[in-house]
N, C-alpha and C. Protein backbone atom coordinates (compact mmCIF):
# COMPACT_ATOMS: atom_id res chain seq x y z
N UNK A 1 114.99 134.90 126.25
CA UNK A 1 113.80 134.85 126.18
C UNK A 1 113.06 134.46 124.68
N UNK A 2 113.90 134.66 123.69
CA UNK A 2 113.89 134.31 122.48
C UNK A 2 113.35 132.83 122.26
N UNK A 3 114.63 132.06 122.82
CA UNK A 3 114.31 130.54 123.00
C UNK A 3 112.78 129.91 123.24
N UNK A 4 112.30 130.74 124.74
CA UNK A 4 111.24 130.50 125.29
C UNK A 4 110.05 130.37 124.41
N UNK A 5 109.96 131.51 123.95
CA UNK A 5 109.26 131.97 122.83
C UNK A 5 108.95 131.29 121.63
N UNK A 6 109.98 130.89 121.13
CA UNK A 6 110.23 130.16 119.89
C UNK A 6 109.07 128.40 120.67
N UNK A 7 109.98 128.29 121.23
CA UNK A 7 109.40 127.06 121.92
C UNK A 7 107.71 127.29 122.44
N UNK A 8 107.38 128.01 122.89
CA UNK A 8 105.99 128.49 123.22
C UNK A 8 105.28 128.11 121.92
N UNK A 9 105.74 128.76 120.60
CA UNK A 9 104.87 128.98 119.60
C UNK A 9 104.78 127.59 119.06
N UNK A 10 105.75 126.83 118.77
CA UNK A 10 106.11 125.79 118.50
C UNK A 10 105.10 124.45 119.31
N UNK A 11 104.80 124.85 120.28
CA UNK A 11 104.14 123.87 121.29
C UNK A 11 102.62 124.04 120.64
N UNK A 12 102.33 125.31 120.97
CA UNK A 12 100.81 126.15 120.73
C UNK A 12 100.34 125.92 119.50
N UNK A 13 101.05 126.05 118.54
CA UNK A 13 100.94 125.84 117.10
C UNK A 13 100.30 124.07 116.72
N UNK A 14 101.62 123.67 117.45
CA UNK A 14 101.57 122.08 116.82
C UNK A 14 100.24 121.31 117.91
N UNK A 15 100.04 121.65 118.98
CA UNK A 15 99.02 121.30 119.70
C UNK A 15 97.32 121.78 119.28
N UNK A 16 97.39 122.87 118.95
CA UNK A 16 95.92 123.50 118.70
C UNK A 16 95.43 122.33 117.59
N UNK A 17 96.08 122.09 116.73
CA UNK A 17 95.85 121.36 115.65
C UNK A 17 95.43 119.79 116.58
N UNK A 18 96.33 119.55 117.39
CA UNK A 18 95.64 118.08 118.00
C UNK A 18 94.38 118.47 118.78
N UNK A 19 94.52 119.55 119.30
CA UNK A 19 92.98 119.84 119.97
C UNK A 19 91.93 119.90 119.33
N UNK A 20 91.85 120.22 118.18
CA UNK A 20 90.78 119.97 117.08
C UNK A 20 90.15 118.65 116.85
N UNK A 21 91.30 117.57 117.22
CA UNK A 21 91.03 116.07 116.92
C UNK A 21 89.98 115.39 117.73
N UNK A 22 90.16 116.15 118.90
CA UNK A 22 89.44 115.57 120.48
C UNK A 22 87.75 115.77 120.23
N UNK A 23 87.39 114.69 120.20
CA UNK A 23 85.83 114.57 120.26
C UNK A 23 85.27 115.21 121.13
N UNK A 24 84.11 116.01 121.18
CA UNK A 24 83.63 116.72 121.83
C UNK A 24 83.19 116.03 123.34
N UNK A 25 82.85 114.86 122.96
CA UNK A 25 82.52 113.89 124.07
C UNK A 25 83.79 113.66 125.09
N UNK A 26 84.94 113.46 124.22
CA UNK A 26 86.45 113.10 125.29
C UNK A 26 86.54 114.42 125.66
N UNK A 27 86.71 115.77 125.16
CA UNK A 27 86.90 116.78 125.38
C UNK A 27 86.48 117.26 126.83
N UNK A 28 84.88 117.29 126.83
CA UNK A 28 84.19 117.53 128.27
C UNK A 28 84.01 115.98 129.08
N UNK A 29 84.61 114.83 128.94
CA UNK A 29 84.42 114.09 129.60
C UNK A 29 84.95 114.29 130.96
N UNK A 30 84.66 114.17 132.60
CA UNK A 30 85.15 114.77 133.85
C UNK A 30 85.59 113.33 134.11
N UNK A 31 86.58 112.93 134.92
CA UNK A 31 87.27 111.56 135.16
C UNK A 31 86.60 111.36 136.31
N UNK A 32 86.16 112.44 137.31
CA UNK A 32 85.60 112.46 138.50
C UNK A 32 84.61 113.64 138.77
N UNK A 33 83.88 113.92 139.33
CA UNK A 33 83.21 115.02 139.31
C UNK A 33 83.96 116.33 139.77
N UNK A 34 85.16 115.64 140.73
CA UNK A 34 86.02 117.10 141.69
C UNK A 34 87.38 117.19 140.38
N UNK A 35 87.05 116.71 139.33
CA UNK A 35 88.53 116.75 138.39
C UNK A 35 88.06 117.63 137.09
N UNK A 36 88.96 118.03 136.71
CA UNK A 36 88.34 118.79 135.59
C UNK A 36 88.81 117.95 134.31
N UNK A 37 87.86 118.26 133.23
CA UNK A 37 87.78 117.66 131.90
C UNK A 37 88.84 118.38 131.29
N UNK A 38 89.43 117.60 130.22
CA UNK A 38 90.19 118.15 129.18
C UNK A 38 89.75 119.68 128.59
N UNK A 39 88.76 119.63 128.46
CA UNK A 39 88.49 121.21 128.25
C UNK A 39 88.48 122.25 129.35
N UNK A 40 88.18 121.39 130.35
CA UNK A 40 88.55 122.32 131.54
C UNK A 40 90.04 122.76 131.46
N UNK A 41 90.70 121.61 131.54
CA UNK A 41 92.37 121.90 131.40
C UNK A 41 93.09 122.90 130.57
N UNK A 42 92.53 123.06 129.57
CA UNK A 42 92.70 123.79 128.57
C UNK A 42 91.81 125.22 128.74
N UNK A 43 91.09 125.29 129.70
CA UNK A 43 90.15 126.50 129.86
C UNK A 43 91.44 127.00 131.08
N UNK A 44 91.67 126.39 132.11
CA UNK A 44 92.96 126.55 132.86
C UNK A 44 94.28 127.30 132.26
N UNK A 45 94.56 126.75 131.03
CA UNK A 45 95.74 127.19 130.71
C UNK A 45 95.39 128.64 129.94
N UNK A 46 94.36 128.74 129.63
CA UNK A 46 93.94 130.07 128.99
C UNK A 46 94.04 131.19 130.06
N UNK A 47 93.29 130.81 131.34
CA UNK A 47 93.21 131.49 132.90
C UNK A 47 94.92 131.70 133.26
N UNK A 48 95.99 130.68 132.60
CA UNK A 48 97.38 130.75 133.05
C UNK A 48 97.81 131.71 132.09
N UNK A 49 97.45 131.71 130.67
CA UNK A 49 97.92 132.44 130.13
C UNK A 49 97.61 134.23 130.35
N UNK A 50 96.41 134.51 130.72
CA UNK A 50 95.90 135.61 131.25
C UNK A 50 96.65 136.47 132.58
N UNK A 51 96.95 135.49 132.99
CA UNK A 51 97.78 135.66 134.30
C UNK A 51 99.27 135.93 134.03
N UNK A 52 99.78 135.35 133.45
CA UNK A 52 101.01 135.59 132.94
C UNK A 52 101.54 136.39 131.91
N UNK A 53 100.22 136.77 131.08
CA UNK A 53 100.40 138.06 130.16
C UNK A 53 100.41 139.16 130.85
N UNK A 54 99.63 139.37 132.08
CA UNK A 54 99.87 140.61 132.79
C UNK A 54 100.75 140.75 133.70
N UNK A 55 101.47 139.29 134.12
CA UNK A 55 102.47 139.36 134.61
C UNK A 55 103.88 140.27 134.11
N UNK A 56 103.99 139.70 132.94
CA UNK A 56 105.29 140.08 131.71
C UNK A 56 104.74 141.38 131.69
N UNK A 57 103.78 141.73 131.40
CA UNK A 57 103.52 143.60 131.19
C UNK A 57 104.09 144.41 132.09
N UNK A 58 102.76 144.31 133.40
CA UNK A 58 102.72 144.94 134.73
C UNK A 58 104.38 144.78 135.46
N UNK A 59 105.18 143.85 135.31
CA UNK A 59 106.01 143.88 136.09
C UNK A 59 107.53 144.54 135.65
N UNK A 60 107.07 144.83 134.02
CA UNK A 60 108.08 145.91 133.43
C UNK A 60 108.18 147.50 133.47
N UNK A 61 106.67 147.81 134.28
CA UNK A 61 106.46 149.24 134.16
C UNK A 61 106.17 149.77 135.48
N UNK A 62 105.68 148.65 136.41
CA UNK A 62 105.50 149.02 137.77
C UNK A 62 106.47 149.17 138.93
N UNK A 63 106.62 150.32 139.63
CA UNK A 63 107.59 150.82 140.41
C UNK A 63 107.98 149.55 141.41
N UNK A 64 107.06 149.14 142.06
CA UNK A 64 107.15 147.97 142.89
C UNK A 64 106.55 146.49 142.32
N UNK A 65 107.34 145.46 142.46
CA UNK A 65 106.87 144.21 142.00
C UNK A 65 105.20 143.97 142.12
N UNK A 66 104.51 143.96 141.10
CA UNK A 66 103.10 143.38 141.22
C UNK A 66 102.60 142.56 141.80
N UNK A 67 101.60 142.48 142.34
CA UNK A 67 101.12 141.09 143.43
C UNK A 67 100.08 140.64 142.62
N UNK A 68 100.46 139.26 141.52
CA UNK A 68 99.33 138.98 140.47
C UNK A 68 99.36 137.61 141.17
N UNK A 69 98.22 137.00 141.67
CA UNK A 69 98.15 135.78 142.26
C UNK A 69 96.69 135.70 141.48
N UNK A 70 96.52 134.11 141.21
CA UNK A 70 95.90 133.26 140.50
C UNK A 70 94.76 132.16 141.20
N UNK A 71 93.95 131.92 141.31
CA UNK A 71 93.06 131.29 141.96
C UNK A 71 92.76 129.91 141.04
N UNK A 72 93.17 129.34 140.44
CA UNK A 72 92.67 128.21 139.53
C UNK A 72 91.34 127.91 139.68
N UNK A 73 91.14 127.42 140.72
CA UNK A 73 89.77 126.50 140.82
C UNK A 73 88.79 127.79 140.74
N UNK A 74 88.86 128.76 141.30
CA UNK A 74 87.71 129.73 141.10
C UNK A 74 87.79 130.37 139.41
N UNK A 75 88.82 130.42 139.01
CA UNK A 75 88.81 131.22 137.65
C UNK A 75 88.29 129.97 136.34
N UNK A 76 88.66 128.78 136.90
CA UNK A 76 88.07 127.76 136.01
C UNK A 76 86.45 127.46 135.87
N UNK A 77 85.92 127.66 137.39
CA UNK A 77 84.41 127.51 137.69
C UNK A 77 83.69 128.66 137.05
N UNK A 78 84.35 130.02 137.31
CA UNK A 78 83.62 131.04 136.90
C UNK A 78 83.63 131.24 135.57
N UNK A 79 84.49 130.69 134.75
CA UNK A 79 84.62 130.96 133.32
C UNK A 79 83.55 129.84 132.70
N UNK A 80 83.48 128.77 133.49
CA UNK A 80 82.28 127.70 133.13
C UNK A 80 82.96 127.42 131.62
N UNK A 81 83.90 126.82 131.54
CA UNK A 81 84.78 126.05 130.02
C UNK A 81 83.80 125.20 129.58
N UNK A 82 83.19 124.16 130.45
CA UNK A 82 82.53 123.17 129.67
C UNK A 82 81.78 123.45 128.90
N UNK A 83 80.85 124.74 129.13
CA UNK A 83 80.14 125.44 127.88
C UNK A 83 80.39 126.02 126.72
N UNK A 84 82.04 126.65 126.59
CA UNK A 84 82.46 127.23 125.48
C UNK A 84 82.58 125.94 124.33
N UNK A 85 82.28 126.40 123.43
CA UNK A 85 82.70 126.04 122.13
C UNK A 85 84.32 125.20 122.24
N UNK A 86 84.29 124.52 121.98
CA UNK A 86 85.49 123.61 121.43
C UNK A 86 86.54 124.52 120.55
N UNK A 87 86.21 124.82 119.36
CA UNK A 87 86.84 125.76 118.76
C UNK A 87 87.47 127.42 119.31
N UNK A 88 86.55 127.87 119.77
CA UNK A 88 86.33 129.21 120.36
C UNK A 88 87.50 129.14 121.72
N UNK A 89 87.41 128.01 122.73
CA UNK A 89 88.61 128.06 123.53
C UNK A 89 89.58 127.88 122.83
N UNK A 90 89.92 126.72 121.79
CA UNK A 90 91.24 126.64 121.06
C UNK A 90 91.81 127.88 120.60
N UNK A 91 90.86 128.28 119.93
CA UNK A 91 91.60 129.64 119.30
C UNK A 91 91.74 130.60 120.61
N UNK A 92 91.44 130.96 121.47
CA UNK A 92 91.51 131.72 122.78
C UNK A 92 92.67 131.44 122.92
N UNK A 93 92.91 130.12 123.43
CA UNK A 93 94.33 129.60 124.01
C UNK A 93 95.57 129.90 122.78
N UNK A 94 95.40 129.91 121.77
CA UNK A 94 96.21 129.74 121.11
C UNK A 94 96.74 131.59 120.91
N UNK A 95 95.69 132.53 120.65
CA UNK A 95 95.80 134.08 120.62
C UNK A 95 96.49 134.51 121.71
N UNK A 96 96.35 134.02 122.98
CA UNK A 96 96.77 134.23 124.12
C UNK A 96 98.28 133.98 124.29
N UNK A 97 98.45 133.10 123.93
CA UNK A 97 99.91 132.44 123.55
C UNK A 97 100.52 133.10 122.69
N UNK A 98 99.82 133.13 121.72
CA UNK A 98 100.49 134.00 120.66
C UNK A 98 101.09 135.48 121.14
N UNK A 99 100.30 136.12 122.09
CA UNK A 99 100.91 137.91 122.85
C UNK A 99 101.93 137.35 123.60
N UNK A 100 101.82 136.36 124.42
CA UNK A 100 102.89 135.98 125.59
C UNK A 100 103.97 135.96 124.81
N UNK A 101 104.31 135.04 123.62
CA UNK A 101 105.53 134.89 122.57
C UNK A 101 105.95 136.22 122.34
N UNK A 102 105.22 137.25 121.94
CA UNK A 102 105.59 138.76 121.47
C UNK A 102 106.15 139.38 122.71
N UNK A 103 105.32 139.52 123.38
CA UNK A 103 105.85 140.24 124.43
C UNK A 103 107.21 139.86 125.31
N UNK A 104 107.55 138.59 125.51
CA UNK A 104 108.23 138.02 126.32
C UNK A 104 109.79 138.10 124.95
N UNK A 105 109.49 137.87 123.57
CA UNK A 105 110.57 137.85 122.47
C UNK A 105 111.18 139.37 122.39
N UNK A 106 110.13 140.71 122.66
CA UNK A 106 110.33 141.62 122.50
C UNK A 106 110.77 142.42 123.72
N UNK A 107 110.81 141.79 124.78
CA UNK A 107 111.40 142.31 125.99
C UNK A 107 112.60 142.51 126.27
N UNK A 108 113.31 143.73 126.35
CA UNK A 108 114.87 144.08 126.52
C UNK A 108 115.02 143.32 127.59
N UNK A 109 116.33 142.70 127.36
CA UNK A 109 117.09 141.65 128.19
C UNK A 109 116.98 142.21 129.76
N UNK A 110 117.43 143.40 129.59
CA UNK A 110 117.34 144.68 131.23
C UNK A 110 116.38 144.47 131.95
N UNK A 111 115.56 143.68 131.51
CA UNK A 111 113.92 143.83 132.33
C UNK A 111 113.99 142.23 132.73
N UNK A 112 114.64 141.41 132.16
CA UNK A 112 114.59 139.86 132.61
C UNK A 112 114.36 139.48 133.95
N UNK A 113 115.12 140.21 135.07
CA UNK A 113 115.49 140.18 136.23
C UNK A 113 114.62 141.04 137.09
N UNK A 114 113.57 141.51 136.41
CA UNK A 114 112.60 142.33 137.19
C UNK A 114 111.55 141.24 137.73
N UNK A 115 110.81 141.61 138.68
CA UNK A 115 110.31 140.44 139.33
C UNK A 115 108.72 140.89 139.47
N UNK A 116 108.08 139.62 139.85
CA UNK A 116 106.43 139.81 140.07
C UNK A 116 106.26 138.96 141.47
N UNK A 117 105.51 139.17 142.22
CA UNK A 117 105.18 138.48 143.26
C UNK A 117 103.66 137.71 142.81
N UNK A 118 103.81 136.30 143.07
CA UNK A 118 102.68 135.88 142.49
C UNK A 118 102.16 134.77 143.98
N UNK A 119 102.82 135.07 145.10
CA UNK A 119 102.00 134.59 146.51
C UNK A 119 100.92 135.14 146.93
N UNK A 120 100.30 134.10 147.18
CA UNK A 120 98.56 134.81 148.02
C UNK A 120 98.85 134.83 149.36
N UNK A 121 99.42 134.44 149.76
CA UNK A 121 99.31 135.02 151.28
C UNK A 121 100.84 135.31 151.96
N UNK A 122 101.82 134.33 151.23
CA UNK A 122 103.22 135.14 151.47
C UNK A 122 103.70 135.27 150.33
N UNK A 123 104.93 136.16 150.31
CA UNK A 123 105.32 136.38 148.95
C UNK A 123 106.44 135.73 148.29
N UNK A 124 105.93 135.48 147.21
CA UNK A 124 106.88 134.64 146.20
C UNK A 124 107.29 135.12 144.90
N UNK A 125 108.20 135.88 145.16
CA UNK A 125 109.00 137.04 144.03
C UNK A 125 109.80 136.00 142.77
N UNK A 126 109.55 136.11 141.50
CA UNK A 126 109.66 135.37 140.74
C UNK A 126 110.52 136.45 139.63
N UNK A 127 111.16 136.16 138.92
CA UNK A 127 112.06 137.03 137.90
C UNK A 127 110.95 136.83 136.74
N UNK A 128 111.35 137.98 135.75
CA UNK A 128 110.25 137.39 134.72
C UNK A 128 110.81 136.58 133.69
N UNK A 129 112.16 136.27 133.71
CA UNK A 129 112.82 135.27 133.15
C UNK A 129 112.77 133.53 133.53
N UNK A 130 112.22 133.67 135.02
CA UNK A 130 112.11 132.79 135.52
C UNK A 130 110.71 132.26 135.01
N UNK A 131 109.48 133.12 135.30
CA UNK A 131 108.41 132.99 134.98
C UNK A 131 107.92 132.54 133.79
N UNK A 132 108.85 133.08 132.60
CA UNK A 132 108.79 132.70 131.33
C UNK A 132 109.36 130.92 131.06
N UNK A 133 110.11 130.65 131.51
CA UNK A 133 110.62 129.04 131.60
C UNK A 133 109.50 128.42 132.43
N UNK A 134 108.92 128.85 133.71
CA UNK A 134 108.41 127.99 134.50
C UNK A 134 106.79 127.71 133.57
N UNK A 135 106.46 128.70 132.92
CA UNK A 135 105.30 129.15 132.00
C UNK A 135 105.21 127.99 130.81
N UNK A 136 106.52 127.25 130.18
CA UNK A 136 106.73 126.21 129.44
C UNK A 136 106.28 125.04 130.31
N UNK A 137 107.13 124.89 131.43
CA UNK A 137 106.76 123.49 132.20
C UNK A 137 105.23 123.40 132.33
N UNK A 138 104.64 124.48 133.02
CA UNK A 138 103.37 124.24 133.29
C UNK A 138 102.51 123.81 132.26
N UNK A 139 103.11 124.51 131.00
CA UNK A 139 102.44 124.23 129.88
C UNK A 139 102.19 122.71 129.21
N UNK A 140 103.72 122.09 129.16
CA UNK A 140 103.80 120.78 129.14
C UNK A 140 103.00 119.71 129.83
N UNK A 141 103.36 120.25 131.36
CA UNK A 141 102.44 119.07 132.25
C UNK A 141 101.12 119.07 131.95
N UNK A 142 100.40 120.23 131.52
CA UNK A 142 99.15 120.03 131.16
C UNK A 142 98.72 119.51 130.07
N UNK A 143 99.75 119.84 129.01
CA UNK A 143 99.45 119.36 127.60
C UNK A 143 99.55 117.77 127.88
N UNK A 144 100.41 117.07 128.78
CA UNK A 144 100.66 115.70 128.94
C UNK A 144 99.25 115.28 129.68
N UNK A 145 98.76 115.81 130.66
CA UNK A 145 97.46 115.45 130.94
C UNK A 145 96.58 115.15 129.70
N UNK A 146 96.14 116.31 129.06
CA UNK A 146 95.47 116.17 128.09
C UNK A 146 95.86 115.27 126.78
N UNK A 147 96.81 114.76 126.61
CA UNK A 147 97.31 114.11 125.67
C UNK A 147 98.71 113.06 126.34
N UNK A 148 98.47 112.21 127.31
CA UNK A 148 99.26 111.36 128.13
C UNK A 148 100.71 110.80 127.18
N UNK A 149 101.73 111.37 127.42
CA UNK A 149 103.12 110.91 126.96
C UNK A 149 103.58 111.39 125.84
N UNK A 150 102.57 112.76 125.43
CA UNK A 150 103.26 113.46 124.23
C UNK A 150 104.27 114.05 124.26
N UNK A 151 104.80 114.97 125.41
CA UNK A 151 105.72 115.35 125.80
C UNK A 151 106.63 114.81 126.77
């Protein structure tokens, strides 16, 4: 998990600076009415961080695997990310990921195999180790949407 935490911090700290260079116009532009803007994609990454941080914590102490699902469209819509100041959103994203990196880097190895249910209608049990690796994959996917070809 140390390697995942290190990679997470490197990605977030490098891309936080790049995000600050994006003009407000480019950050809020929606390619289609039903598609997210770059700002909403970053908001989605904040929501993903919230939900995954909860998974990494709750799975370590709950007696049964916690059921923590995430309805991304509802979260993005209800958070109203298009109206959030750019710097505030970047800072939130950075701080949430700093917390995740801390939690997973200090997690005892005996807890890596603990599970969390992420399934909405059917069970989808994943180990914390898998969730951490998948979190990095997911992060890279969306950073490539914001900065095509960056990763």
